């Protein structure tokens, strides 16, 4: 949950305050710091590998395309759309999760339960 992440991130960023330091962090130590979030082994690995990729392939900058964002370990369409909308102000960025799918379906804005299909339907409504 967001509440849990908000409890964990201050400790993570205190231990590793820069992109470079997270990229060089021992995955086992990151596991300890994010353990309470659940799926901590995968999350820790993805955090470290994503930081390494940001440094090595993107010059330390968050990429600005869906394709490049989806290459980052642990980043799916929901996170990619959030970044594209919030960081880059890209119109039609639809953060489509379970709640979005359910509510938009009830409002008649979309049909189905597959996130990518609902995302496309909502983009048509927005643009």
N, C-alpha and C. Protein backbone atom coordinates (compact mmCIF):
# COMPACT_ATOMS: atom_id res chain seq x y z
N UNK A 1 0.84 -1.20 0.00
CA UNK A 1 0.00 0.00 0.00
C UNK A 1 0.88 1.24 0.00
N UNK A 2 0.27 2.36 -0.37
CA UNK A 2 1.00 3.62 -0.34
C UNK A 2 1.48 3.94 1.08
N UNK A 3 0.66 3.62 2.06
CA UNK A 3 1.03 3.90 3.45
C UNK A 3 2.30 3.13 3.83
N UNK A 4 2.38 1.88 3.43
CA UNK A 4 3.56 1.06 3.74
C UNK A 4 4.78 1.61 3.00
N UNK A 5 4.62 1.94 1.74
CA UNK A 5 5.73 2.49 0.95
C UNK A 5 6.24 3.78 1.59
N UNK A 6 5.32 4.60 2.08
CA UNK A 6 5.70 5.86 2.71
C UNK A 6 6.47 5.65 4.02
N UNK A 7 6.29 4.50 4.65
CA UNK A 7 7.07 4.17 5.84
C UNK A 7 8.45 3.63 5.48
N UNK A 8 8.55 2.95 4.35
CA UNK A 8 9.79 2.28 3.96
C UNK A 8 10.76 3.22 3.25
N UNK A 9 10.25 4.07 2.37
CA UNK A 9 11.15 4.87 1.53
C UNK A 9 12.08 5.80 2.30
N UNK A 10 11.68 6.40 3.42
CA UNK A 10 12.66 7.23 4.13
C UNK A 10 13.90 6.45 4.55
N UNK A 11 13.73 5.20 4.95
CA UNK A 11 14.86 4.37 5.35
C UNK A 11 15.72 3.99 4.14
N UNK A 12 15.06 3.67 3.04
CA UNK A 12 15.79 3.34 1.82
C UNK A 12 16.62 4.53 1.34
N UNK A 13 16.00 5.70 1.32
CA UNK A 13 16.70 6.89 0.82
C UNK A 13 17.73 7.43 1.82
N UNK A 14 17.56 7.12 3.09
CA UNK A 14 18.59 7.49 4.07
C UNK A 14 19.84 6.64 3.85
N UNK A 15 19.63 5.36 3.56
CA UNK A 15 20.76 4.45 3.33
C UNK A 15 21.39 4.69 1.96
N UNK A 16 20.57 5.02 0.98
CA UNK A 16 21.03 5.19 -0.40
C UNK A 16 20.40 6.45 -0.99
N UNK A 17 21.01 7.61 -0.77
CA UNK A 17 20.38 8.87 -1.13
C UNK A 17 20.45 9.27 -2.61
N UNK A 18 21.25 8.55 -3.41
CA UNK A 18 21.39 8.91 -4.82
C UNK A 18 21.09 7.72 -5.72
N UNK A 19 20.84 8.01 -6.97
CA UNK A 19 20.65 6.96 -7.96
C UNK A 19 21.87 6.05 -8.02
N UNK A 20 23.05 6.66 -7.99
CA UNK A 20 24.29 5.89 -8.05
C UNK A 20 24.44 4.96 -6.85
N UNK A 21 24.06 5.45 -5.68
CA UNK A 21 24.21 4.60 -4.49
C UNK A 21 23.22 3.44 -4.49
N UNK A 22 22.02 3.66 -4.98
CA UNK A 22 21.06 2.54 -5.06
C UNK A 22 21.54 1.53 -6.09
N UNK A 23 22.04 2.02 -7.23
CA UNK A 23 22.53 1.13 -8.28
C UNK A 23 23.67 0.25 -7.79
N UNK A 24 24.46 0.75 -6.85
CA UNK A 24 25.60 0.00 -6.32
C UNK A 24 25.25 -0.78 -5.05
N UNK A 25 24.03 -0.65 -4.58
CA UNK A 25 23.63 -1.27 -3.31
C UNK A 25 23.58 -2.80 -3.42
N UNK A 26 23.96 -3.48 -2.35
CA UNK A 26 23.78 -4.94 -2.32
C UNK A 26 22.28 -5.25 -2.27
N UNK A 27 21.84 -6.09 -3.18
CA UNK A 27 20.41 -6.42 -3.24
C UNK A 27 19.93 -6.95 -1.90
N UNK A 28 20.76 -7.71 -1.21
CA UNK A 28 20.35 -8.29 0.08
C UNK A 28 20.03 -7.19 1.10
N UNK A 29 20.77 -6.09 1.07
CA UNK A 29 20.49 -5.02 2.02
C UNK A 29 19.20 -4.28 1.63
N UNK A 30 18.99 -4.09 0.35
CA UNK A 30 17.75 -3.46 -0.11
C UNK A 30 16.56 -4.37 0.26
N UNK A 31 16.75 -5.68 0.18
CA UNK A 31 15.70 -6.62 0.60
C UNK A 31 15.30 -6.37 2.05
N UNK A 32 16.30 -6.18 2.91
CA UNK A 32 16.01 -5.91 4.33
C UNK A 32 15.20 -4.63 4.49
N UNK A 33 15.55 -3.62 3.72
CA UNK A 33 14.87 -2.32 3.85
C UNK A 33 13.44 -2.34 3.33
N UNK A 34 13.17 -3.15 2.31
CA UNK A 34 11.81 -3.17 1.72
C UNK A 34 11.02 -4.41 2.13
N UNK A 35 11.57 -5.19 3.04
CA UNK A 35 10.95 -6.47 3.44
C UNK A 35 9.48 -6.34 3.80
N UNK A 36 9.12 -5.32 4.53
CA UNK A 36 7.73 -5.20 5.02
C UNK A 36 6.73 -4.89 3.92
N UNK A 37 7.21 -4.60 2.72
CA UNK A 37 6.29 -4.30 1.60
C UNK A 37 5.75 -5.57 0.94
N UNK A 38 6.34 -6.72 1.24
CA UNK A 38 5.92 -7.94 0.57
C UNK A 38 6.63 -8.07 -0.77
N UNK A 39 6.75 -9.30 -1.26
CA UNK A 39 7.47 -9.58 -2.50
C UNK A 39 8.82 -8.86 -2.51
N UNK A 40 9.43 -8.79 -1.35
CA UNK A 40 10.62 -7.96 -1.16
C UNK A 40 11.81 -8.40 -2.00
N UNK A 41 11.95 -9.68 -2.27
CA UNK A 41 13.08 -10.14 -3.09
C UNK A 41 12.98 -9.58 -4.51
N UNK A 42 11.80 -9.68 -5.09
CA UNK A 42 11.60 -9.15 -6.44
C UNK A 42 11.72 -7.63 -6.46
N UNK A 43 11.11 -6.98 -5.47
CA UNK A 43 11.14 -5.52 -5.42
C UNK A 43 12.57 -5.00 -5.27
N UNK A 44 13.32 -5.60 -4.39
CA UNK A 44 14.70 -5.16 -4.16
C UNK A 44 15.52 -5.34 -5.43
N UNK A 45 15.40 -6.49 -6.05
CA UNK A 45 16.13 -6.75 -7.30
C UNK A 45 15.73 -5.73 -8.37
N UNK A 46 14.43 -5.50 -8.54
CA UNK A 46 13.97 -4.56 -9.55
C UNK A 46 14.44 -3.13 -9.28
N UNK A 47 14.43 -2.73 -8.02
CA UNK A 47 14.88 -1.38 -7.66
C UNK A 47 16.34 -1.19 -8.06
N UNK A 48 17.18 -2.13 -7.67
CA UNK A 48 18.62 -2.01 -7.96
C UNK A 48 18.87 -2.10 -9.47
N UNK A 49 18.25 -3.07 -10.13
CA UNK A 49 18.48 -3.23 -11.57
C UNK A 49 17.93 -2.05 -12.38
N UNK A 50 16.80 -1.52 -11.96
CA UNK A 50 16.24 -0.35 -12.65
C UNK A 50 17.17 0.85 -12.51
N UNK A 51 17.73 1.04 -11.33
CA UNK A 51 18.67 2.15 -11.13
C UNK A 51 19.93 1.96 -11.96
N UNK A 52 20.40 0.74 -12.04
CA UNK A 52 21.56 0.45 -12.88
C UNK A 52 21.26 0.76 -14.34
N UNK A 53 20.09 0.36 -14.79
CA UNK A 53 19.70 0.61 -16.18
C UNK A 53 19.54 2.11 -16.45
N UNK A 54 18.94 2.83 -15.50
CA UNK A 54 18.81 4.28 -15.66
C UNK A 54 20.17 4.93 -15.84
N UNK A 55 21.13 4.49 -15.06
CA UNK A 55 22.49 5.05 -15.17
C UNK A 55 23.18 4.63 -16.47
N UNK A 56 23.15 3.35 -16.75
CA UNK A 56 23.94 2.81 -17.86
C UNK A 56 23.35 3.05 -19.24
N UNK A 57 22.02 3.08 -19.32
CA UNK A 57 21.39 3.19 -20.63
C UNK A 57 20.68 4.51 -20.87
N UNK A 58 20.36 5.24 -19.81
CA UNK A 58 19.59 6.47 -19.98
C UNK A 58 20.26 7.69 -19.36
N UNK A 59 21.54 7.58 -19.06
CA UNK A 59 22.28 8.72 -18.55
C UNK A 59 21.75 9.27 -17.24
N UNK A 60 21.11 8.42 -16.44
CA UNK A 60 20.60 8.85 -15.15
C UNK A 60 19.27 9.58 -15.22
N UNK A 61 18.64 9.60 -16.38
CA UNK A 61 17.35 10.28 -16.56
C UNK A 61 16.24 9.26 -16.76
N UNK A 62 15.06 9.58 -16.28
CA UNK A 62 13.89 8.73 -16.50
C UNK A 62 13.48 8.88 -17.96
N UNK A 63 13.41 7.76 -18.70
CA UNK A 63 13.04 7.86 -20.10
C UNK A 63 11.61 8.39 -20.29
N UNK A 64 11.36 8.95 -21.47
CA UNK A 64 10.08 9.61 -21.72
C UNK A 64 9.19 8.92 -22.73
N UNK A 65 9.44 7.62 -22.96
CA UNK A 65 8.54 6.88 -23.85
C UNK A 65 8.04 5.63 -23.15
N UNK A 66 6.87 5.20 -23.53
CA UNK A 66 6.29 3.98 -22.97
C UNK A 66 7.24 2.81 -23.19
N UNK A 67 7.77 2.68 -24.39
CA UNK A 67 8.63 1.55 -24.72
C UNK A 67 9.86 1.50 -23.82
N UNK A 68 10.51 2.64 -23.63
CA UNK A 68 11.71 2.66 -22.78
C UNK A 68 11.37 2.43 -21.31
N UNK A 69 10.28 3.00 -20.85
CA UNK A 69 9.88 2.79 -19.45
C UNK A 69 9.57 1.32 -19.18
N UNK A 70 8.92 0.66 -20.12
CA UNK A 70 8.57 -0.75 -19.92
C UNK A 70 9.80 -1.66 -19.92
N UNK A 71 10.93 -1.18 -20.40
CA UNK A 71 12.17 -1.95 -20.34
C UNK A 71 12.74 -1.99 -18.93
N UNK A 72 12.40 -1.01 -18.11
CA UNK A 72 12.95 -0.95 -16.75
C UNK A 72 12.36 -2.08 -15.90
N UNK A 73 13.21 -2.79 -15.17
CA UNK A 73 12.72 -3.86 -14.31
C UNK A 73 11.67 -3.34 -13.31
N UNK A 74 10.55 -4.06 -13.23
CA UNK A 74 9.52 -3.72 -12.26
C UNK A 74 8.54 -2.66 -12.73
N UNK A 75 8.74 -2.11 -13.94
CA UNK A 75 7.84 -1.07 -14.43
C UNK A 75 6.86 -1.67 -15.42
N UNK A 76 5.57 -1.53 -15.11
CA UNK A 76 4.51 -1.96 -16.00
C UNK A 76 3.79 -0.75 -16.58
N UNK A 77 2.73 -1.00 -17.29
CA UNK A 77 2.01 0.08 -17.97
C UNK A 77 1.44 1.10 -16.99
N UNK A 78 0.96 0.64 -15.84
CA UNK A 78 0.39 1.57 -14.87
C UNK A 78 1.44 2.59 -14.42
N UNK A 79 2.60 2.10 -14.02
CA UNK A 79 3.68 2.98 -13.58
C UNK A 79 4.18 3.84 -14.74
N UNK A 80 4.34 3.24 -15.90
CA UNK A 80 4.81 3.99 -17.07
C UNK A 80 3.86 5.14 -17.40
N UNK A 81 2.57 4.88 -17.39
CA UNK A 81 1.60 5.94 -17.66
C UNK A 81 1.65 7.03 -16.60
N UNK A 82 1.81 6.65 -15.36
CA UNK A 82 1.92 7.63 -14.28
C UNK A 82 3.12 8.55 -14.52
N UNK A 83 4.25 7.96 -14.86
CA UNK A 83 5.46 8.75 -15.11
C UNK A 83 5.30 9.64 -16.33
N UNK A 84 4.73 9.10 -17.40
CA UNK A 84 4.55 9.90 -18.61
C UNK A 84 3.63 11.09 -18.36
N UNK A 85 2.58 10.87 -17.58
CA UNK A 85 1.66 11.96 -17.28
C UNK A 85 2.23 12.97 -16.31
N UNK A 86 2.80 12.48 -15.21
CA UNK A 86 3.28 13.39 -14.16
C UNK A 86 4.61 14.06 -14.50
N UNK A 87 5.55 13.32 -15.05
CA UNK A 87 6.86 13.89 -15.35
C UNK A 87 6.89 14.65 -16.67
N UNK A 88 6.20 14.10 -17.65
CA UNK A 88 6.31 14.65 -18.99
C UNK A 88 5.03 15.32 -19.49
N UNK A 89 3.97 15.31 -18.68
CA UNK A 89 2.72 15.97 -19.06
C UNK A 89 2.13 15.43 -20.35
N UNK A 90 2.37 14.17 -20.62
CA UNK A 90 1.89 13.57 -21.87
C UNK A 90 0.38 13.39 -21.82
N UNK A 91 -0.33 14.01 -22.75
CA UNK A 91 -1.80 13.86 -22.78
C UNK A 91 -2.20 12.41 -23.02
N UNK A 92 -3.29 12.02 -22.44
CA UNK A 92 -3.80 10.66 -22.64
C UNK A 92 -3.11 9.60 -21.83
N UNK A 93 -2.31 9.99 -20.86
CA UNK A 93 -1.68 9.00 -19.99
C UNK A 93 -2.73 8.50 -19.01
N UNK A 94 -3.07 7.24 -19.11
CA UNK A 94 -4.15 6.67 -18.31
C UNK A 94 -3.58 5.65 -17.33
N UNK A 95 -3.64 5.98 -16.05
CA UNK A 95 -3.19 5.07 -15.01
C UNK A 95 -4.36 4.13 -14.71
N UNK A 96 -4.27 2.95 -15.29
CA UNK A 96 -5.42 2.04 -15.29
C UNK A 96 -5.15 0.88 -14.33
N UNK A 97 -5.80 0.92 -13.17
CA UNK A 97 -5.69 -0.17 -12.22
C UNK A 97 -7.07 -0.78 -11.99
N UNK A 98 -7.15 -1.70 -11.07
CA UNK A 98 -8.41 -2.40 -10.79
C UNK A 98 -9.54 -1.44 -10.49
N UNK A 99 -9.26 -0.42 -9.69
CA UNK A 99 -10.30 0.52 -9.30
C UNK A 99 -10.76 1.36 -10.49
N UNK A 100 -9.82 1.81 -11.29
CA UNK A 100 -10.13 2.57 -12.49
C UNK A 100 -11.01 1.74 -13.43
N UNK A 101 -10.63 0.50 -13.64
CA UNK A 101 -11.38 -0.39 -14.54
C UNK A 101 -12.81 -0.57 -14.03
N UNK A 102 -12.96 -0.81 -12.75
CA UNK A 102 -14.29 -1.03 -12.17
C UNK A 102 -15.16 0.22 -12.28
N UNK A 103 -14.64 1.35 -11.89
CA UNK A 103 -15.43 2.59 -11.87
C UNK A 103 -15.76 3.04 -13.28
N UNK A 104 -14.78 3.01 -14.17
CA UNK A 104 -15.04 3.45 -15.55
C UNK A 104 -16.02 2.51 -16.24
N UNK A 105 -15.98 1.23 -15.90
CA UNK A 105 -16.97 0.30 -16.44
C UNK A 105 -18.37 0.63 -15.96
N UNK A 106 -18.51 0.93 -14.68
CA UNK A 106 -19.82 1.30 -14.12
C UNK A 106 -20.35 2.60 -14.71
N UNK A 107 -19.44 3.51 -15.05
CA UNK A 107 -19.84 4.78 -15.64
C UNK A 107 -20.11 4.67 -17.14
N UNK A 108 -19.84 3.50 -17.71
CA UNK A 108 -20.06 3.29 -19.13
C UNK A 108 -18.96 3.87 -20.01
N UNK A 109 -17.83 4.19 -19.42
CA UNK A 109 -16.73 4.77 -20.20
C UNK A 109 -15.86 3.69 -20.84
N UNK A 110 -15.96 2.47 -20.34
CA UNK A 110 -15.14 1.39 -20.87
C UNK A 110 -15.89 0.08 -20.71
N UNK A 111 -15.41 -0.93 -21.44
CA UNK A 111 -15.95 -2.28 -21.35
C UNK A 111 -14.80 -3.25 -21.21
N UNK A 112 -15.01 -4.27 -20.40
CA UNK A 112 -13.99 -5.28 -20.22
C UNK A 112 -13.17 -5.04 -18.97
N UNK A 113 -12.25 -5.96 -18.73
CA UNK A 113 -11.45 -5.90 -17.51
C UNK A 113 -9.96 -5.98 -17.79
N UNK A 114 -9.56 -5.99 -19.05
CA UNK A 114 -8.14 -6.05 -19.38
C UNK A 114 -7.57 -4.64 -19.36
N UNK A 115 -6.56 -4.38 -18.50
CA UNK A 115 -6.05 -3.03 -18.32
C UNK A 115 -5.65 -2.32 -19.62
N UNK A 116 -4.93 -3.02 -20.49
CA UNK A 116 -4.46 -2.35 -21.71
C UNK A 116 -5.63 -1.97 -22.63
N UNK A 117 -6.65 -2.81 -22.69
CA UNK A 117 -7.81 -2.49 -23.53
C UNK A 117 -8.59 -1.33 -22.94
N UNK A 118 -8.78 -1.35 -21.62
CA UNK A 118 -9.50 -0.25 -20.96
C UNK A 118 -8.69 1.04 -21.11
N UNK A 119 -7.39 0.95 -20.99
CA UNK A 119 -6.52 2.11 -21.17
C UNK A 119 -6.75 2.74 -22.55
N UNK A 120 -6.79 1.92 -23.59
CA UNK A 120 -7.02 2.44 -24.95
C UNK A 120 -8.40 3.08 -25.07
N UNK A 121 -9.40 2.45 -24.47
CA UNK A 121 -10.77 3.00 -24.53
C UNK A 121 -10.82 4.36 -23.83
N UNK A 122 -10.20 4.47 -22.68
CA UNK A 122 -10.22 5.72 -21.94
C UNK A 122 -9.40 6.81 -22.64
N UNK A 123 -8.34 6.42 -23.30
CA UNK A 123 -7.54 7.40 -24.03
C UNK A 123 -8.40 8.07 -25.12
N UNK A 124 -9.25 7.27 -25.77
CA UNK A 124 -10.15 7.82 -26.80
C UNK A 124 -11.11 8.84 -26.19
N UNK A 125 -11.56 8.57 -24.98
CA UNK A 125 -12.47 9.49 -24.29
C UNK A 125 -11.75 10.78 -23.95
N UNK A 126 -10.48 10.66 -23.53
CA UNK A 126 -9.73 11.82 -23.07
C UNK A 126 -9.20 12.70 -24.20
N UNK A 127 -8.85 12.10 -25.33
CA UNK A 127 -8.20 12.87 -26.40
C UNK A 127 -9.15 13.35 -27.45
